[in-house]
Amino acid sequence: MMKKIHLGADDDDFFFRNRDGSRRSKNTVGKRFREKLWASGIPYRSKGIGPRLHDVRHSFCCHALKNMSESGIDMYCALPILSTYIGHSSIQSTEQYLRLTEEFYPEVTQKTGARVYPEVYLVEAN
């Protein structure tokens, strides 16, 4: 992905960088991300509440794992591939980014016929 965004980039170049190739400051990256959120109509609700730039990384990992799974790659084989791709030193680090959701994997609930969490119905108190 780096080479698609930054033509001629080396593997060890900064992803968020200034025109001269130096590292862009964390504050500038955060400010630009919030500007893009607002321009897209997505409200930024404050530090710690988000959305956060790091949430994009989580979303990427979930979508990448889903795509690999749909292309026939066993999930146990896909995890080391994904872990290496995003630069983690362990699969456990990558697992923290992943969420097994019904939206991404409806076949899990279809095959088992069960939900991890049962439906919850709210009852109004008298």
N, C-alpha and C. Protein backbone atom coordinates (compact mmCIF):
# COMPACT_ATOMS: atom_id res chain seq x y z
N MET A 1 0.82 -1.18 0.00
CA MET A 1 0.00 0.00 0.00
C MET A 1 0.87 1.26 0.00
N MET A 2 1.98 1.21 0.73
CA MET A 2 2.87 2.36 0.82
C MET A 2 3.28 2.84 -0.56
N LYS A 3 3.64 1.92 -1.44
CA LYS A 3 4.13 2.30 -2.76
C LYS A 3 3.00 2.80 -3.66
N LYS A 4 1.74 2.46 -3.34
CA LYS A 4 0.61 2.99 -4.10
C LYS A 4 0.36 4.44 -3.72
N ILE A 5 0.59 4.77 -2.46
CA ILE A 5 0.34 6.13 -1.99
C ILE A 5 1.54 7.03 -2.24
N HIS A 6 2.74 6.52 -1.94
CA HIS A 6 3.97 7.28 -2.11
C HIS A 6 4.82 6.63 -3.20
N LEU A 7 4.67 7.11 -4.42
CA LEU A 7 5.43 6.54 -5.53
C LEU A 7 6.92 6.68 -5.27
N GLY A 8 7.66 5.62 -5.49
CA GLY A 8 9.10 5.64 -5.29
C GLY A 8 9.54 5.52 -3.85
N ALA A 9 8.61 5.21 -2.95
CA ALA A 9 8.96 5.09 -1.53
C ALA A 9 9.73 3.80 -1.27
N ASP A 10 10.59 3.86 -0.30
CA ASP A 10 11.29 2.66 0.18
C ASP A 10 10.49 2.06 1.32
N ASP A 11 10.74 0.79 1.61
CA ASP A 11 10.01 0.10 2.68
C ASP A 11 10.22 0.74 4.04
N ASP A 12 11.35 1.40 4.25
CA ASP A 12 11.62 1.99 5.56
C ASP A 12 11.28 3.48 5.64
N ASP A 13 10.64 4.03 4.61
CA ASP A 13 10.22 5.43 4.64
C ASP A 13 9.01 5.60 5.57
N PHE A 14 8.83 6.82 6.04
CA PHE A 14 7.67 7.13 6.88
C PHE A 14 6.41 7.12 6.03
N PHE A 15 5.32 6.61 6.58
CA PHE A 15 4.05 6.61 5.87
C PHE A 15 3.47 8.02 5.85
N PHE A 16 3.44 8.67 7.03
CA PHE A 16 2.99 10.05 7.12
C PHE A 16 4.25 10.92 7.13
N ARG A 17 4.52 11.53 5.99
CA ARG A 17 5.77 12.26 5.86
C ARG A 17 5.54 13.61 5.21
N ASN A 18 6.50 14.49 5.42
CA ASN A 18 6.49 15.81 4.80
C ASN A 18 7.04 15.70 3.39
N ARG A 19 6.94 16.78 2.64
CA ARG A 19 7.42 16.77 1.25
C ARG A 19 8.89 16.42 1.14
N ASP A 20 9.68 16.79 2.16
CA ASP A 20 11.11 16.49 2.12
C ASP A 20 11.44 15.07 2.59
N GLY A 21 10.39 14.27 2.90
CA GLY A 21 10.59 12.89 3.32
C GLY A 21 10.73 12.70 4.81
N SER A 22 10.81 13.82 5.56
CA SER A 22 10.92 13.71 7.01
C SER A 22 9.58 13.30 7.62
N ARG A 23 9.64 12.84 8.84
CA ARG A 23 8.45 12.36 9.54
C ARG A 23 7.51 13.52 9.86
N ARG A 24 6.25 13.35 9.53
CA ARG A 24 5.24 14.35 9.87
C ARG A 24 4.89 14.20 11.34
N SER A 25 4.67 15.28 12.05
CA SER A 25 4.40 15.22 13.48
C SER A 25 3.06 14.56 13.77
N LYS A 26 2.97 13.92 14.91
CA LYS A 26 1.74 13.25 15.34
C LYS A 26 0.58 14.25 15.41
N ASN A 27 0.85 15.46 15.89
CA ASN A 27 -0.20 16.47 15.99
C ASN A 27 -0.74 16.88 14.63
N THR A 28 0.16 17.02 13.65
CA THR A 28 -0.27 17.38 12.30
C THR A 28 -1.09 16.27 11.67
N VAL A 29 -0.66 15.03 11.84
CA VAL A 29 -1.41 13.90 11.30
C VAL A 29 -2.80 13.85 11.92
N GLY A 30 -2.88 14.01 13.24
CA GLY A 30 -4.17 14.00 13.92
C GLY A 30 -5.07 15.13 13.45
N LYS A 31 -4.49 16.31 13.29
CA LYS A 31 -5.27 17.47 12.82
C LYS A 31 -5.83 17.22 11.43
N ARG A 32 -4.99 16.72 10.53
CA ARG A 32 -5.43 16.44 9.15
C ARG A 32 -6.53 15.36 9.14
N PHE A 33 -6.39 14.35 10.01
CA PHE A 33 -7.40 13.30 10.08
C PHE A 33 -8.74 13.88 10.53
N ARG A 34 -8.72 14.74 11.55
CA ARG A 34 -9.97 15.37 12.02
C ARG A 34 -10.59 16.25 10.94
N GLU A 35 -9.75 16.95 10.18
CA GLU A 35 -10.25 17.77 9.07
C GLU A 35 -10.97 16.90 8.04
N LYS A 36 -10.39 15.74 7.74
CA LYS A 36 -11.01 14.81 6.77
C LYS A 36 -12.32 14.25 7.31
N LEU A 37 -12.35 13.98 8.61
CA LEU A 37 -13.60 13.51 9.22
C LEU A 37 -14.71 14.54 9.05
N TRP A 38 -14.42 15.77 9.43
CA TRP A 38 -15.43 16.83 9.33
C TRP A 38 -15.85 17.05 7.89
N ALA A 39 -14.90 17.04 6.95
CA ALA A 39 -15.22 17.22 5.53
C ALA A 39 -16.11 16.10 5.02
N SER A 40 -16.00 14.92 5.63
CA SER A 40 -16.80 13.76 5.23
C SER A 40 -18.13 13.69 5.99
N GLY A 41 -18.36 14.64 6.89
CA GLY A 41 -19.60 14.65 7.67
C GLY A 41 -19.56 13.70 8.85
N ILE A 42 -18.38 13.30 9.28
CA ILE A 42 -18.23 12.40 10.42
C ILE A 42 -17.74 13.23 11.60
N PRO A 43 -18.55 13.36 12.65
CA PRO A 43 -18.13 14.21 13.77
C PRO A 43 -17.01 13.57 14.58
N TYR A 44 -16.04 14.38 14.94
CA TYR A 44 -14.99 13.96 15.86
C TYR A 44 -15.47 14.33 17.25
N ARG A 45 -15.56 13.34 18.14
CA ARG A 45 -16.20 13.56 19.43
C ARG A 45 -15.23 13.81 20.57
N SER A 46 -13.97 13.96 20.33
CA SER A 46 -12.92 14.33 21.28
C SER A 46 -11.94 13.19 21.48
N LYS A 47 -10.81 13.56 22.04
CA LYS A 47 -9.73 12.60 22.27
C LYS A 47 -10.23 11.47 23.18
N GLY A 48 -9.92 10.25 22.79
CA GLY A 48 -10.33 9.11 23.58
C GLY A 48 -11.69 8.56 23.20
N ILE A 49 -12.50 9.37 22.52
CA ILE A 49 -13.83 8.92 22.11
C ILE A 49 -13.84 8.64 20.61
N GLY A 50 -13.16 9.49 19.87
CA GLY A 50 -12.95 9.21 18.47
C GLY A 50 -13.97 9.76 17.52
N PRO A 51 -13.96 9.26 16.28
CA PRO A 51 -13.11 8.19 15.78
C PRO A 51 -11.64 8.59 15.80
N ARG A 52 -10.80 7.57 15.89
CA ARG A 52 -9.36 7.76 15.95
C ARG A 52 -8.72 7.26 14.66
N LEU A 53 -7.59 7.82 14.31
CA LEU A 53 -6.86 7.35 13.14
C LEU A 53 -6.53 5.87 13.31
N HIS A 54 -6.25 5.46 14.53
CA HIS A 54 -5.92 4.06 14.79
C HIS A 54 -7.10 3.13 14.48
N ASP A 55 -8.32 3.66 14.53
CA ASP A 55 -9.50 2.85 14.20
C ASP A 55 -9.46 2.41 12.74
N VAL A 56 -8.82 3.18 11.88
CA VAL A 56 -8.68 2.81 10.47
C VAL A 56 -7.85 1.53 10.37
N ARG A 57 -6.84 1.41 11.21
CA ARG A 57 -5.99 0.21 11.23
C ARG A 57 -6.80 -1.01 11.66
N HIS A 58 -7.63 -0.84 12.69
CA HIS A 58 -8.51 -1.93 13.14
C HIS A 58 -9.44 -2.37 12.01
N SER A 59 -10.05 -1.39 11.37
CA SER A 59 -10.99 -1.68 10.28
C SER A 59 -10.28 -2.39 9.13
N PHE A 60 -9.08 -1.92 8.79
CA PHE A 60 -8.31 -2.56 7.72
C PHE A 60 -8.06 -4.03 8.04
N CYS A 61 -7.65 -4.32 9.27
CA CYS A 61 -7.35 -5.70 9.66
C CYS A 61 -8.59 -6.60 9.54
N CYS A 62 -9.73 -6.10 10.00
CA CYS A 62 -10.97 -6.89 9.91
C CYS A 62 -11.34 -7.15 8.46
N HIS A 63 -11.27 -6.13 7.62
CA HIS A 63 -11.62 -6.30 6.21
C HIS A 63 -10.61 -7.20 5.49
N ALA A 64 -9.33 -7.06 5.80
CA ALA A 64 -8.31 -7.89 5.15
C ALA A 64 -8.51 -9.36 5.51
N LEU A 65 -8.77 -9.64 6.79
CA LEU A 65 -8.99 -11.03 7.21
C LEU A 65 -10.23 -11.60 6.53
N LYS A 66 -11.29 -10.80 6.44
CA LYS A 66 -12.51 -11.25 5.78
C LYS A 66 -12.24 -11.55 4.30
N ASN A 67 -11.50 -10.67 3.64
CA ASN A 67 -11.19 -10.89 2.22
C ASN A 67 -10.36 -12.15 2.01
N MET A 68 -9.38 -12.37 2.88
CA MET A 68 -8.57 -13.58 2.76
C MET A 68 -9.42 -14.82 3.00
N SER A 69 -10.30 -14.76 3.98
CA SER A 69 -11.18 -15.88 4.29
C SER A 69 -12.09 -16.19 3.11
N GLU A 70 -12.67 -15.14 2.52
CA GLU A 70 -13.57 -15.32 1.37
C GLU A 70 -12.84 -15.84 0.14
N SER A 71 -11.54 -15.59 0.05
CA SER A 71 -10.79 -16.08 -1.10
C SER A 71 -10.30 -17.51 -0.90
N GLY A 72 -10.68 -18.09 0.27
CA GLY A 72 -10.36 -19.49 0.50
C GLY A 72 -9.16 -19.75 1.39
N ILE A 73 -8.52 -18.70 1.88
CA ILE A 73 -7.36 -18.89 2.76
C ILE A 73 -7.87 -19.22 4.16
N ASP A 74 -7.38 -20.28 4.73
CA ASP A 74 -7.76 -20.66 6.09
C ASP A 74 -7.39 -19.54 7.05
N MET A 75 -8.28 -19.22 7.99
CA MET A 75 -8.04 -18.10 8.91
C MET A 75 -6.78 -18.30 9.74
N TYR A 76 -6.45 -19.54 10.08
CA TYR A 76 -5.24 -19.80 10.85
C TYR A 76 -3.98 -19.50 10.02
N CYS A 77 -4.09 -19.66 8.71
CA CYS A 77 -2.97 -19.32 7.83
C CYS A 77 -2.96 -17.82 7.52
N ALA A 78 -4.14 -17.22 7.50
CA ALA A 78 -4.26 -15.79 7.17
C ALA A 78 -3.68 -14.91 8.27
N LEU A 79 -3.82 -15.31 9.52
CA LEU A 79 -3.35 -14.47 10.62
C LEU A 79 -1.86 -14.15 10.55
N PRO A 80 -0.98 -15.12 10.33
CA PRO A 80 0.44 -14.77 10.22
C PRO A 80 0.74 -13.86 9.02
N ILE A 81 0.00 -14.05 7.93
CA ILE A 81 0.19 -13.21 6.76
C ILE A 81 -0.18 -11.77 7.10
N LEU A 82 -1.35 -11.59 7.70
CA LEU A 82 -1.82 -10.26 8.09
C LEU A 82 -0.89 -9.63 9.11
N SER A 83 -0.45 -10.41 10.07
CA SER A 83 0.45 -9.92 11.12
C SER A 83 1.75 -9.39 10.52
N THR A 84 2.30 -10.13 9.60
CA THR A 84 3.54 -9.71 8.94
C THR A 84 3.31 -8.46 8.10
N TYR A 85 2.20 -8.43 7.39
CA TYR A 85 1.89 -7.30 6.50
C TYR A 85 1.79 -5.99 7.26
N ILE A 86 1.16 -6.01 8.44
CA ILE A 86 0.99 -4.74 9.17
C ILE A 86 2.16 -4.46 10.11
N GLY A 87 3.17 -5.35 10.11
CA GLY A 87 4.39 -5.07 10.84
C GLY A 87 4.41 -5.50 12.30
N HIS A 88 3.53 -6.39 12.68
CA HIS A 88 3.53 -6.88 14.06
C HIS A 88 4.57 -7.98 14.23
N SER A 89 5.09 -8.09 15.44
CA SER A 89 6.08 -9.13 15.72
C SER A 89 5.43 -10.42 16.20
N SER A 90 4.13 -10.36 16.50
CA SER A 90 3.43 -11.57 16.96
C SER A 90 1.99 -11.58 16.47
N ILE A 91 1.46 -12.79 16.35
CA ILE A 91 0.05 -12.94 15.96
C ILE A 91 -0.85 -12.39 17.06
N GLN A 92 -0.43 -12.52 18.31
CA GLN A 92 -1.23 -12.03 19.43
C GLN A 92 -1.47 -10.52 19.31
N SER A 93 -0.49 -9.79 18.84
CA SER A 93 -0.67 -8.35 18.64
C SER A 93 -1.73 -8.07 17.59
N THR A 94 -1.72 -8.85 16.54
CA THR A 94 -2.70 -8.68 15.47
C THR A 94 -4.10 -9.08 15.93
N GLU A 95 -4.20 -10.11 16.74
CA GLU A 95 -5.50 -10.57 17.22
C GLU A 95 -6.25 -9.47 17.99
N GLN A 96 -5.52 -8.55 18.60
CA GLN A 96 -6.16 -7.46 19.33
C GLN A 96 -6.90 -6.51 18.40
N TYR A 97 -6.54 -6.53 17.13
CA TYR A 97 -7.18 -5.67 16.15
C TYR A 97 -8.45 -6.28 15.55
N LEU A 98 -8.63 -7.55 15.72
CA LEU A 98 -9.69 -8.27 15.01
C LEU A 98 -10.93 -8.46 15.87
N ARG A 99 -12.05 -8.41 15.21
CA ARG A 99 -13.34 -8.66 15.86
C ARG A 99 -14.10 -9.67 15.01
N LEU A 100 -14.54 -10.72 15.62
CA LEU A 100 -15.34 -11.73 14.92
C LEU A 100 -16.79 -11.29 15.03
N THR A 101 -17.26 -10.57 14.04
CA THR A 101 -18.60 -10.01 14.10
C THR A 101 -19.54 -10.77 13.17
N GLU A 102 -20.80 -10.74 13.52
CA GLU A 102 -21.80 -11.39 12.68
C GLU A 102 -21.89 -10.71 11.32
N GLU A 103 -21.62 -9.41 11.29
CA GLU A 103 -21.64 -8.67 10.02
C GLU A 103 -20.60 -9.22 9.05
N PHE A 104 -19.41 -9.53 9.55
CA PHE A 104 -18.34 -10.03 8.68
C PHE A 104 -18.43 -11.53 8.45
N TYR A 105 -18.92 -12.26 9.43
CA TYR A 105 -18.92 -13.72 9.35
C TYR A 105 -20.30 -14.29 9.68
N PRO A 106 -21.34 -13.97 8.86
CA PRO A 106 -22.68 -14.48 9.16
C PRO A 106 -22.75 -16.01 9.08
N GLU A 107 -21.82 -16.61 8.32
CA GLU A 107 -21.83 -18.07 8.19
C GLU A 107 -21.55 -18.77 9.51
N VAL A 108 -20.88 -18.08 10.43
CA VAL A 108 -20.61 -18.69 11.74
C VAL A 108 -21.92 -18.94 12.47
N THR A 109 -22.80 -17.93 12.51
CA THR A 109 -24.08 -18.13 13.18
C THR A 109 -25.00 -19.01 12.36
N GLN A 110 -24.88 -18.97 11.04
CA GLN A 110 -25.72 -19.84 10.20
C GLN A 110 -25.36 -21.30 10.42
N LYS A 111 -24.07 -21.60 10.53
CA LYS A 111 -23.63 -22.98 10.71
C LYS A 111 -23.96 -23.51 12.10
N THR A 112 -23.81 -22.66 13.10
CA THR A 112 -24.03 -23.12 14.46
C THR A 112 -25.48 -22.97 14.89
N GLY A 113 -26.19 -22.02 14.26
CA GLY A 113 -27.58 -21.79 14.65
C GLY A 113 -27.69 -21.13 16.02
N ALA A 114 -26.59 -20.64 16.52
CA ALA A 114 -26.61 -20.04 17.85
C ALA A 114 -25.86 -18.71 17.81
N ARG A 115 -26.14 -17.91 18.80
CA ARG A 115 -25.45 -16.64 18.96
C ARG A 115 -24.62 -16.71 20.23
N VAL A 116 -23.51 -16.00 20.21
CA VAL A 116 -22.69 -15.94 21.42
C VAL A 116 -23.46 -15.20 22.50
N TYR A 117 -24.11 -14.10 22.10
CA TYR A 117 -24.92 -13.34 23.04
C TYR A 117 -26.37 -13.46 22.58
N PRO A 118 -27.27 -13.86 23.46
CA PRO A 118 -28.67 -13.99 23.07
C PRO A 118 -29.28 -12.61 22.82
N GLU A 119 -30.39 -12.59 22.10
CA GLU A 119 -31.11 -11.35 21.89
C GLU A 119 -31.55 -10.80 23.25
N VAL A 120 -31.48 -9.50 23.37
CA VAL A 120 -31.86 -8.84 24.61
C VAL A 120 -33.05 -7.95 24.31
N TYR A 121 -34.09 -8.08 25.08
CA TYR A 121 -35.27 -7.28 24.90
C TYR A 121 -35.44 -6.38 26.11
N LEU A 122 -35.68 -5.10 25.85
CA LEU A 122 -35.86 -4.16 26.94
C LEU A 122 -37.32 -4.16 27.37
N VAL A 123 -37.53 -4.18 28.66
CA VAL A 123 -38.88 -4.15 29.22
C VAL A 123 -39.01 -2.88 30.03
N GLU A 124 -40.04 -2.11 29.75
CA GLU A 124 -40.24 -0.87 30.48
C GLU A 124 -40.72 -1.18 31.89
N ALA A 125 -40.13 -0.47 32.84
CA ALA A 125 -40.55 -0.63 34.24
C ALA A 125 -41.80 0.18 34.49
N ASN A 126 -42.66 -0.35 35.37
CA ASN A 126 -43.91 0.37 35.69
C ASN A 126 -43.68 1.45 36.69
